[in-house]
PDB file of N, CA and C in Angstrom:
ATOM      1  N   MET A   1      28.705 -27.077 -72.465  1.00  0.00           N
ATOM      2  CA  MET A   1      28.569 -27.133 -71.015  1.00  0.00           C
ATOM      3  C   MET A   1      29.225 -25.880 -70.447  1.00  0.00           C
ATOM      4  N   ILE A   2      28.542 -25.242 -69.521  1.00  0.00           N
ATOM      5  CA  ILE A   2      29.067 -24.047 -68.872  1.00  0.00           C
ATOM      6  C   ILE A   2      29.361 -24.358 -67.406  1.00  0.00           C
ATOM      7  N   LYS A   3      29.937 -23.388 -66.710  1.00  0.00           N
ATOM      8  CA  LYS A   3      30.340 -23.611 -65.325  1.00  0.00           C
ATOM      9  C   LYS A   3      29.150 -24.020 -64.456  1.00  0.00           C
ATOM     10  N   ALA A   4      28.001 -23.422 -64.663  1.00  0.00           N
ATOM     11  CA  ALA A   4      26.812 -23.764 -63.873  1.00  0.00           C
ATOM     12  C   ALA A   4      26.414 -25.225 -64.092  1.00  0.00           C
ATOM     13  N   ASP A   5      26.533 -25.712 -65.314  1.00  0.00           N
ATOM     14  CA  ASP A   5      26.219 -27.114 -65.596  1.00  0.00           C
ATOM     15  C   ASP A   5      27.186 -28.049 -64.878  1.00  0.00           C
ATOM     16  N   ILE A   6      28.460 -27.675 -64.858  1.00  0.00           N
ATOM     17  CA  ILE A   6      29.463 -28.484 -64.160  1.00  0.00           C
ATOM     18  C   ILE A   6      29.165 -28.517 -62.670  1.00  0.00           C
ATOM     19  N   VAL A   7      28.836 -27.357 -62.103  1.00  0.00           N
ATOM     20  CA  VAL A   7      28.507 -27.286 -60.672  1.00  0.00           C
ATOM     21  C   VAL A   7      27.297 -28.159 -60.372  1.00  0.00           C
ATOM     22  N   ASN A   8      26.263 -28.075 -61.190  1.00  0.00           N
ATOM     23  CA  ASN A   8      25.054 -28.883 -60.970  1.00  0.00           C
ATOM     24  C   ASN A   8      25.355 -30.374 -61.045  1.00  0.00           C
ATOM     25  N   GLU A   9      26.153 -30.785 -62.017  1.00  0.00           N
ATOM     26  CA  GLU A   9      26.463 -32.205 -62.190  1.00  0.00           C
ATOM     27  C   GLU A   9      27.295 -32.741 -61.025  1.00  0.00           C
ATOM     28  N   ILE A  10      28.302 -31.984 -60.606  1.00  0.00           N
ATOM     29  CA  ILE A  10      29.133 -32.432 -59.483  1.00  0.00           C
ATOM     30  C   ILE A  10      28.302 -32.490 -58.211  1.00  0.00           C
ATOM     31  N   SER A  11      27.472 -31.487 -58.003  1.00  0.00           N
ATOM     32  CA  SER A  11      26.622 -31.461 -56.814  1.00  0.00           C
ATOM     33  C   SER A  11      25.662 -32.646 -56.800  1.00  0.00           C
ATOM     34  N   LYS A  12      25.080 -32.956 -57.950  1.00  0.00           N
ATOM     35  CA  LYS A  12      24.140 -34.074 -58.052  1.00  0.00           C
ATOM     36  C   LYS A  12      24.841 -35.408 -57.811  1.00  0.00           C
ATOM     37  N   ASN A  13      26.049 -35.565 -58.367  1.00  0.00           N
ATOM     38  CA  ASN A  13      26.758 -36.838 -58.266  1.00  0.00           C
ATOM     39  C   ASN A  13      27.405 -37.073 -56.906  1.00  0.00           C
ATOM     40  N   THR A  14      27.773 -36.004 -56.208  1.00  0.00           N
ATOM     41  CA  THR A  14      28.471 -36.170 -54.935  1.00  0.00           C
ATOM     42  C   THR A  14      27.621 -35.862 -53.719  1.00  0.00           C
ATOM     43  N   GLY A  15      26.540 -35.133 -53.897  1.00  0.00           N
ATOM     44  CA  GLY A  15      25.704 -34.754 -52.766  1.00  0.00           C
ATOM     45  C   GLY A  15      26.234 -33.539 -52.005  1.00  0.00           C
ATOM     46  N   ILE A  16      27.245 -32.881 -52.544  1.00  0.00           N
ATOM     47  CA  ILE A  16      27.796 -31.681 -51.917  1.00  0.00           C
ATOM     48  C   ILE A  16      26.975 -30.479 -52.371  1.00  0.00           C
ATOM     49  N   GLU A  17      26.804 -29.510 -51.475  1.00  0.00           N
ATOM     50  CA  GLU A  17      26.017 -28.319 -51.800  1.00  0.00           C
ATOM     51  C   GLU A  17      26.618 -27.578 -52.985  1.00  0.00           C
ATOM     52  N   LYS A  18      25.748 -26.965 -53.781  1.00  0.00           N
ATOM     53  CA  LYS A  18      26.194 -26.249 -54.971  1.00  0.00           C
ATOM     54  C   LYS A  18      27.136 -25.095 -54.624  1.00  0.00           C
ATOM     55  N   ALA A  19      26.876 -24.405 -53.526  1.00  0.00           N
ATOM     56  CA  ALA A  19      27.721 -23.268 -53.135  1.00  0.00           C
ATOM     57  C   ALA A  19      29.148 -23.718 -52.836  1.00  0.00           C
ATOM     58  N   VAL A  20      29.280 -24.880 -52.196  1.00  0.00           N
ATOM     59  CA  VAL A  20      30.600 -25.415 -51.875  1.00  0.00           C
ATOM     60  C   VAL A  20      31.324 -25.842 -53.149  1.00  0.00           C
ATOM     61  N   VAL A  21      30.607 -26.493 -54.054  1.00  0.00           N
ATOM     62  CA  VAL A  21      31.186 -26.930 -55.321  1.00  0.00           C
ATOM     63  C   VAL A  21      31.626 -25.712 -56.137  1.00  0.00           C
ATOM     64  N   LEU A  22      30.780 -24.689 -56.186  1.00  0.00           N
ATOM     65  CA  LEU A  22      31.119 -23.476 -56.929  1.00  0.00           C
ATOM     66  C   LEU A  22      32.369 -22.810 -56.354  1.00  0.00           C
ATOM     67  N   ALA A  23      32.448 -22.706 -55.038  1.00  0.00           N
ATOM     68  CA  ALA A  23      33.618 -22.100 -54.394  1.00  0.00           C
ATOM     69  C   ALA A  23      34.884 -22.908 -54.693  1.00  0.00           C
ATOM     70  N   THR A  24      34.772 -24.221 -54.706  1.00  0.00           N
ATOM     71  CA  THR A  24      35.913 -25.084 -55.000  1.00  0.00           C
ATOM     72  C   THR A  24      36.384 -24.903 -56.441  1.00  0.00           C
ATOM     73  N   ILE A  25      35.450 -24.865 -57.380  1.00  0.00           N
ATOM     74  CA  ILE A  25      35.795 -24.683 -58.786  1.00  0.00           C
ATOM     75  C   ILE A  25      36.431 -23.310 -59.011  1.00  0.00           C
ATOM     76  N   GLU A  26      35.857 -22.290 -58.378  1.00  0.00           N
ATOM     77  CA  GLU A  26      36.410 -20.936 -58.498  1.00  0.00           C
ATOM     78  C   GLU A  26      37.838 -20.890 -57.970  1.00  0.00           C
ATOM     79  N   GLN A  27      38.081 -21.520 -56.822  1.00  0.00           N
ATOM     80  CA  GLN A  27      39.419 -21.528 -56.247  1.00  0.00           C
ATOM     81  C   GLN A  27      40.392 -22.314 -57.116  1.00  0.00           C
ATOM     82  N   PHE A  28      39.939 -23.405 -57.713  1.00  0.00           N
ATOM     83  CA  PHE A  28      40.779 -24.176 -58.633  1.00  0.00           C
ATOM     84  C   PHE A  28      41.214 -23.304 -59.809  1.00  0.00           C
ATOM     85  N   MET A  29      40.261 -22.592 -60.397  1.00  0.00           N
ATOM     86  CA  MET A  29      40.581 -21.747 -61.545  1.00  0.00           C
ATOM     87  C   MET A  29      41.537 -20.617 -61.145  1.00  0.00           C
ATOM     88  N   GLU A  30      41.341 -20.029 -59.980  1.00  0.00           N
ATOM     89  CA  GLU A  30      42.245 -18.981 -59.510  1.00  0.00           C
ATOM     90  C   GLU A  30      43.649 -19.527 -59.287  1.00  0.00           C
ATOM     91  N   SER A  31      43.750 -20.741 -58.766  1.00  0.00           N
ATOM     92  CA  SER A  31      45.052 -21.361 -58.547  1.00  0.00           C
ATOM     93  C   SER A  31      45.773 -21.613 -59.866  1.00  0.00           C
ATOM     94  N   VAL A  32      45.049 -22.093 -60.863  1.00  0.00           N
ATOM     95  CA  VAL A  32      45.638 -22.342 -62.175  1.00  0.00           C
ATOM     96  C   VAL A  32      46.086 -21.022 -62.807  1.00  0.00           C
ATOM     97  N   LYS A  33      45.224 -20.000 -62.763  1.00  0.00           N
ATOM     98  CA  LYS A  33      45.574 -18.706 -63.344  1.00  0.00           C
ATOM     99  C   LYS A  33      46.777 -18.093 -62.643  1.00  0.00           C
ATOM    100  N   GLY A  34      46.813 -18.185 -61.320  1.00  0.00           N
ATOM    101  CA  GLY A  34      47.934 -17.642 -60.562  1.00  0.00           C
ATOM    102  C   GLY A  34      49.240 -18.341 -60.891  1.00  0.00           C
ATOM    103  N   SER A  35      49.181 -19.647 -61.018  1.00  0.00           N
ATOM    104  CA  SER A  35      50.371 -20.419 -61.349  1.00  0.00           C
ATOM    105  C   SER A  35      50.884 -20.070 -62.738  1.00  0.00           C
ATOM    106  N   LEU A  36      49.980 -19.961 -63.713  1.00  0.00           N
ATOM    107  CA  LEU A  36      50.382 -19.612 -65.067  1.00  0.00           C
ATOM    108  C   LEU A  36      50.916 -18.184 -65.131  1.00  0.00           C
ATOM    109  N   ALA A  37      50.337 -17.277 -64.359  1.00  0.00           N
ATOM    110  CA  ALA A  37      50.811 -15.899 -64.341  1.00  0.00           C
ATOM    111  C   ALA A  37      52.244 -15.811 -63.811  1.00  0.00           C
ATOM    112  N   LYS A  38      52.607 -16.724 -62.917  1.00  0.00           N
ATOM    113  CA  LYS A  38      53.970 -16.771 -62.386  1.00  0.00           C
ATOM    114  C   LYS A  38      54.930 -17.492 -63.324  1.00  0.00           C
ATOM    115  N   GLY A  39      54.401 -18.080 -64.398  1.00  0.00           N
ATOM    116  CA  GLY A  39      55.236 -18.795 -65.356  1.00  0.00           C
ATOM    117  C   GLY A  39      55.368 -20.278 -65.073  1.00  0.00           C
ATOM    118  N   ASN A  40      54.583 -20.789 -64.118  1.00  0.00           N
ATOM    119  CA  ASN A  40      54.629 -22.217 -63.766  1.00  0.00           C
ATOM    120  C   ASN A  40      53.512 -22.964 -64.489  1.00  0.00           C
ATOM    121  N   ASN A  41      53.825 -24.163 -64.963  1.00  0.00           N
ATOM    122  CA  ASN A  41      52.832 -25.004 -65.619  1.00  0.00           C
ATOM    123  C   ASN A  41      52.060 -25.806 -64.577  1.00  0.00           C
ATOM    124  N   VAL A  42      50.855 -26.249 -64.931  1.00  0.00           N
ATOM    125  CA  VAL A  42      50.017 -27.063 -64.049  1.00  0.00           C
ATOM    126  C   VAL A  42      49.769 -28.396 -64.756  1.00  0.00           C
ATOM    127  N   TYR A  43      50.145 -29.492 -64.105  1.00  0.00           N
ATOM    128  CA  TYR A  43      50.016 -30.826 -64.689  1.00  0.00           C
ATOM    129  C   TYR A  43      48.959 -31.621 -63.920  1.00  0.00           C
ATOM    130  N   LEU A  44      47.956 -32.124 -64.638  1.00  0.00           N
ATOM    131  CA  LEU A  44      46.901 -32.951 -64.050  1.00  0.00           C
ATOM    132  C   LEU A  44      46.929 -34.303 -64.747  1.00  0.00           C
ATOM    133  N   ARG A  45      47.490 -35.301 -64.085  1.00  0.00           N
ATOM    134  CA  ARG A  45      47.668 -36.622 -64.682  1.00  0.00           C
ATOM    135  C   ARG A  45      46.322 -37.195 -65.132  1.00  0.00           C
ATOM    136  N   GLY A  46      46.283 -37.688 -66.355  1.00  0.00           N
ATOM    137  CA  GLY A  46      45.078 -38.279 -66.911  1.00  0.00           C
ATOM    138  C   GLY A  46      44.132 -37.270 -67.526  1.00  0.00           C
ATOM    139  N   PHE A  47      44.379 -35.977 -67.324  1.00  0.00           N
ATOM    140  CA  PHE A  47      43.523 -34.931 -67.882  1.00  0.00           C
ATOM    141  C   PHE A  47      44.289 -34.081 -68.881  1.00  0.00           C
ATOM    142  N   GLY A  48      45.376 -33.465 -68.429  1.00  0.00           N
ATOM    143  CA  GLY A  48      46.169 -32.640 -69.327  1.00  0.00           C
ATOM    144  C   GLY A  48      47.019 -31.643 -68.567  1.00  0.00           C
ATOM    145  N   SER A  49      47.620 -30.741 -69.312  1.00  0.00           N
ATOM    146  CA  SER A  49      48.523 -29.753 -68.736  1.00  0.00           C
ATOM    147  C   SER A  49      48.117 -28.358 -69.178  1.00  0.00           C
ATOM    148  N   PHE A  50      48.101 -27.436 -68.236  1.00  0.00           N
ATOM    149  CA  PHE A  50      47.941 -26.027 -68.532  1.00  0.00           C
ATOM    150  C   PHE A  50      49.355 -25.475 -68.590  1.00  0.00           C
ATOM    151  N   ILE A  51      49.767 -24.995 -69.758  1.00  0.00           N
ATOM    152  CA  ILE A  51      51.147 -24.572 -69.932  1.00  0.00           C
ATOM    153  C   ILE A  51      51.217 -23.131 -70.426  1.00  0.00           C
ATOM    154  N   VAL A  52      52.390 -22.532 -70.254  1.00  0.00           N
ATOM    155  CA  VAL A  52      52.665 -21.191 -70.759  1.00  0.00           C
ATOM    156  C   VAL A  52      53.531 -21.349 -72.003  1.00  0.00           C
ATOM    157  N   LYS A  53      53.032 -20.853 -73.134  1.00  0.00           N
ATOM    158  CA  LYS A  53      53.783 -20.910 -74.378  1.00  0.00           C
ATOM    159  C   LYS A  53      54.370 -19.531 -74.666  1.00  0.00           C
ATOM    160  N   LYS A  54      55.592 -19.524 -75.158  1.00  0.00           N
ATOM    161  CA  LYS A  54      56.250 -18.275 -75.518  1.00  0.00           C
ATOM    162  C   LYS A  54      56.116 -18.060 -77.018  1.00  0.00           C
ATOM    163  N   ARG A  55      55.553 -16.933 -77.396  1.00  0.00           N
ATOM    164  CA  ARG A  55      55.434 -16.552 -78.802  1.00  0.00           C
ATOM    165  C   ARG A  55      56.583 -15.598 -79.135  1.00  0.00           C
ATOM    166  N   ASN A  56      57.293 -15.870 -80.200  1.00  0.00           N
ATOM    167  CA  ASN A  56      58.403 -15.021 -80.611  1.00  0.00           C
ATOM    168  C   ASN A  56      57.906 -13.740 -81.267  1.00  0.00           C
ATOM    169  N   GLN A  57      58.791 -12.768 -81.342  1.00  0.00           N
ATOM    170  CA  GLN A  57      58.477 -11.514 -82.012  1.00  0.00           C
ATOM    171  C   GLN A  57      58.205 -11.788 -83.481  1.00  0.00           C
ATOM    172  N   LYS A  58      57.246 -11.056 -84.056  1.00  0.00           N
ATOM    173  CA  LYS A  58      56.954 -11.239 -85.473  1.00  0.00           C
ATOM    174  C   LYS A  58      56.528  -9.919 -86.099  1.00  0.00           C
ATOM    175  N   THR A  59      56.591  -9.890 -87.413  1.00  0.00           N
ATOM    176  CA  THR A  59      56.188  -8.718 -88.167  1.00  0.00           C
ATOM    177  C   THR A  59      54.803  -8.967 -88.739  1.00  0.00           C
ATOM    178  N   ALA A  60      53.923  -7.978 -88.576  1.00  0.00           N
ATOM    179  CA  ALA A  60      52.563  -8.082 -89.110  1.00  0.00           C
ATOM    180  C   ALA A  60      52.322  -6.904 -90.049  1.00  0.00           C
ATOM    181  N   ARG A  61      51.341  -7.047 -90.895  1.00  0.00           N
ATOM    182  CA  ARG A  61      51.040  -5.987 -91.856  1.00  0.00           C
ATOM    183  C   ARG A  61      49.599  -5.522 -91.706  1.00  0.00           C
ATOM    184  N   ASN A  62      49.424  -4.204 -91.752  1.00  0.00           N
ATOM    185  CA  ASN A  62      48.099  -3.602 -91.793  1.00  0.00           C
ATOM    186  C   ASN A  62      47.834  -3.287 -93.260  1.00  0.00           C
ATOM    187  N   ILE A  63      47.006  -4.093 -93.894  1.00  0.00           N
ATOM    188  CA  ILE A  63      46.797  -3.994 -95.334  1.00  0.00           C
ATOM    189  C   ILE A  63      46.129  -2.676 -95.709  1.00  0.00           C
ATOM    190  N   SER A  64      45.159  -2.218 -94.917  1.00  0.00           N
ATOM    191  CA  SER A  64      44.443  -1.005 -95.285  1.00  0.00           C
ATOM    192  C   SER A  64      45.330   0.233 -95.215  1.00  0.00           C
ATOM    193  N   LYS A  65      46.253   0.297 -94.254  1.00  0.00           N
ATOM    194  CA  LYS A  65      47.150   1.451 -94.129  1.00  0.00           C
ATOM    195  C   LYS A  65      48.490   1.227 -94.822  1.00  0.00           C
ATOM    196  N   ARG A  66      48.723   0.011 -95.300  1.00  0.00           N
ATOM    197  CA  ARG A  66      49.966  -0.373 -95.969  1.00  0.00           C
ATOM    198  C   ARG A  66      51.189  -0.088 -95.081  1.00  0.00           C
ATOM    199  N   THR A  67      51.077  -0.502 -93.831  1.00  0.00           N
ATOM    200  CA  THR A  67      52.183  -0.343 -92.889  1.00  0.00           C
ATOM    201  C   THR A  67      52.508  -1.692 -92.273  1.00  0.00           C
ATOM    202  N   THR A  68      53.702  -1.790 -91.731  1.00  0.00           N
ATOM    203  CA  THR A  68      54.076  -2.999 -91.002  1.00  0.00           C
ATOM    204  C   THR A  68      54.305  -2.624 -89.546  1.00  0.00           C
ATOM    205  N   ILE A  69      53.953  -3.543 -88.679  1.00  0.00           N
ATOM    206  CA  ILE A  69      54.172  -3.342 -87.250  1.00  0.00           C
ATOM    207  C   ILE A  69      54.897  -4.565 -86.708  1.00  0.00           C
ATOM    208  N   ILE A  70      55.572  -4.365 -85.612  1.00  0.00           N
ATOM    209  CA  ILE A  70      56.268  -5.471 -84.959  1.00  0.00           C
ATOM    210  C   ILE A  70      55.487  -5.850 -83.714  1.00  0.00           C
ATOM    211  N   ILE A  71      55.106  -7.107 -83.649  1.00  0.00           N
ATOM    212  CA  ILE A  71      54.418  -7.632 -82.469  1.00  0.00           C
ATOM    213  C   ILE A  71      55.496  -8.220 -81.567  1.00  0.00           C
ATOM    214  N   PRO A  72      55.652  -7.690 -80.348  1.00  0.00           N
ATOM    215  CA  PRO A  72      56.738  -8.164 -79.480  1.00  0.00           C
ATOM    216  C   PRO A  72      56.495  -9.597 -78.992  1.00  0.00           C
ATOM    217  N   ALA A  73      57.560 -10.222 -78.523  1.00  0.00           N
ATOM    218  CA  ALA A  73      57.448 -11.566 -77.951  1.00  0.00           C
ATOM    219  C   ALA A  73      56.548 -11.507 -76.719  1.00  0.00           C
ATOM    220  N   HIS A  74      55.745 -12.535 -76.527  1.00  0.00           N
ATOM    221  CA  HIS A  74      54.835 -12.568 -75.388  1.00  0.00           C
ATOM    222  C   HIS A  74      54.491 -14.013 -75.028  1.00  0.00           C
ATOM    223  N   ASN A  75      53.918 -14.188 -73.858  1.00  0.00           N
ATOM    224  CA  ASN A  75      53.500 -15.510 -73.382  1.00  0.00           C
ATOM    225  C   ASN A  75      51.992 -15.638 -73.505  1.00  0.00           C
ATOM    226  N   ILE A  76      51.539 -16.858 -73.802  1.00  0.00           N
ATOM    227  CA  ILE A  76      50.104 -17.128 -73.848  1.00  0.00           C
ATOM    228  C   ILE A  76      49.818 -18.429 -73.110  1.00  0.00           C
ATOM    229  N   PRO A  77      48.648 -18.526 -72.458  1.00  0.00           N
ATOM    230  CA  PRO A  77      48.285 -19.796 -71.816  1.00  0.00           C
ATOM    231  C   PRO A  77      47.770 -20.778 -72.862  1.00  0.00           C
ATOM    232  N   ALA A  78      48.013 -22.061 -72.603  1.00  0.00           N
ATOM    233  CA  ALA A  78      47.555 -23.106 -73.524  1.00  0.00           C
ATOM    234  C   ALA A  78      47.215 -24.356 -72.714  1.00  0.00           C
ATOM    235  N   PHE A  79      46.415 -25.221 -73.316  1.00  0.00           N
ATOM    236  CA  PHE A  79      46.053 -26.494 -72.697  1.00  0.00           C
ATOM    237  C   PHE A  79      46.500 -27.616 -73.613  1.00  0.00           C
ATOM    238  N   LYS A  80      47.189 -28.586 -73.042  1.00  0.00           N
ATOM    239  CA  LYS A  80      47.621 -29.771 -73.796  1.00  0.00           C
ATOM    240  C   LYS A  80      46.973 -30.987 -73.153  1.00  0.00           C
ATOM    241  N   PRO A  81      46.014 -31.614 -73.824  1.00  0.00           N
ATOM    242  CA  PRO A  81      45.325 -32.767 -73.229  1.00  0.00           C
ATOM    243  C   PRO A  81      46.237 -33.982 -73.114  1.00  0.00           C
ATOM    244  N   ALA A  82      45.960 -34.815 -72.116  1.00  0.00           N
ATOM    245  CA  ALA A  82      46.710 -36.061 -71.915  1.00  0.00           C
ATOM    246  C   ALA A  82      46.320 -37.068 -72.991  1.00  0.00           C
ATOM    247  N   LYS A  83      47.194 -38.042 -73.225  1.00  0.00           N
ATOM    248  CA  LYS A  83      46.935 -39.050 -74.255  1.00  0.00           C
ATOM    249  C   LYS A  83      45.673 -39.849 -73.954  1.00  0.00           C
ATOM    250  N   THR A  84      45.456 -40.202 -72.674  1.00  0.00           N
ATOM    251  CA  THR A  84      44.255 -40.964 -72.312  1.00  0.00           C
ATOM    252  C   THR A  84      42.997 -40.133 -72.566  1.00  0.00           C
ATOM    253  N   PHE A  85      43.072 -38.839 -72.306  1.00  0.00           N
ATOM    254  CA  PHE A  85      41.941 -37.933 -72.539  1.00  0.00           C
ATOM    255  C   PHE A  85      41.675 -37.840 -74.036  1.00  0.00           C
ATOM    256  N   MET A  86      42.722 -37.712 -74.829  1.00  0.00           N
ATOM    257  CA  MET A  86      42.566 -37.619 -76.279  1.00  0.00           C
ATOM    258  C   MET A  86      41.944 -38.889 -76.857  1.00  0.00           C
ATOM    259  N   SER A  87      42.351 -40.038 -76.343  1.00  0.00           N
ATOM    260  CA  SER A  87      41.807 -41.305 -76.863  1.00  0.00           C
ATOM    261  C   SER A  87      40.325 -41.431 -76.532  1.00  0.00           C
ATOM    262  N   GLN A  88      39.873 -40.888 -75.418  1.00  0.00           N
ATOM    263  CA  GLN A  88      38.448 -40.937 -75.068  1.00  0.00           C
ATOM    264  C   GLN A  88      37.623 -40.036 -75.957  1.00  0.00           C
ATOM    265  N   VAL A  89      38.187 -38.903 -76.344  1.00  0.00           N
ATOM    266  CA  VAL A  89      37.457 -37.949 -77.181  1.00  0.00           C
ATOM    267  C   VAL A  89      37.345 -38.453 -78.616  1.00  0.00           C
ATOM    268  N   LYS A  90      38.417 -39.098 -79.099  1.00  0.00           N
ATOM    269  CA  LYS A  90      38.386 -39.623 -80.471  1.00  0.00           C
ATOM    270  C   LYS A  90      37.454 -40.768 -80.520  1.00  0.00           C
TER     271      LYS A  90
END
């Protein structure tokens, strides 16, 4: 399912215009991205959490050049589904 499919389904089920649904979804995604960029997590009860995970510094190897490099510590976005959501998928 892609974003267009989600917009079509919500529009069909609610009777709201597709343009309004698309604008709402776009704004939701921007809000989540902005919050994660600031280091804040987003919690949606019954669905899951968009969280920021911290990756520690690590050493990696380039096998072809036979060198090692250090990958610095960094943050990555992640999604943790809620227990009710997980039980529905299983």
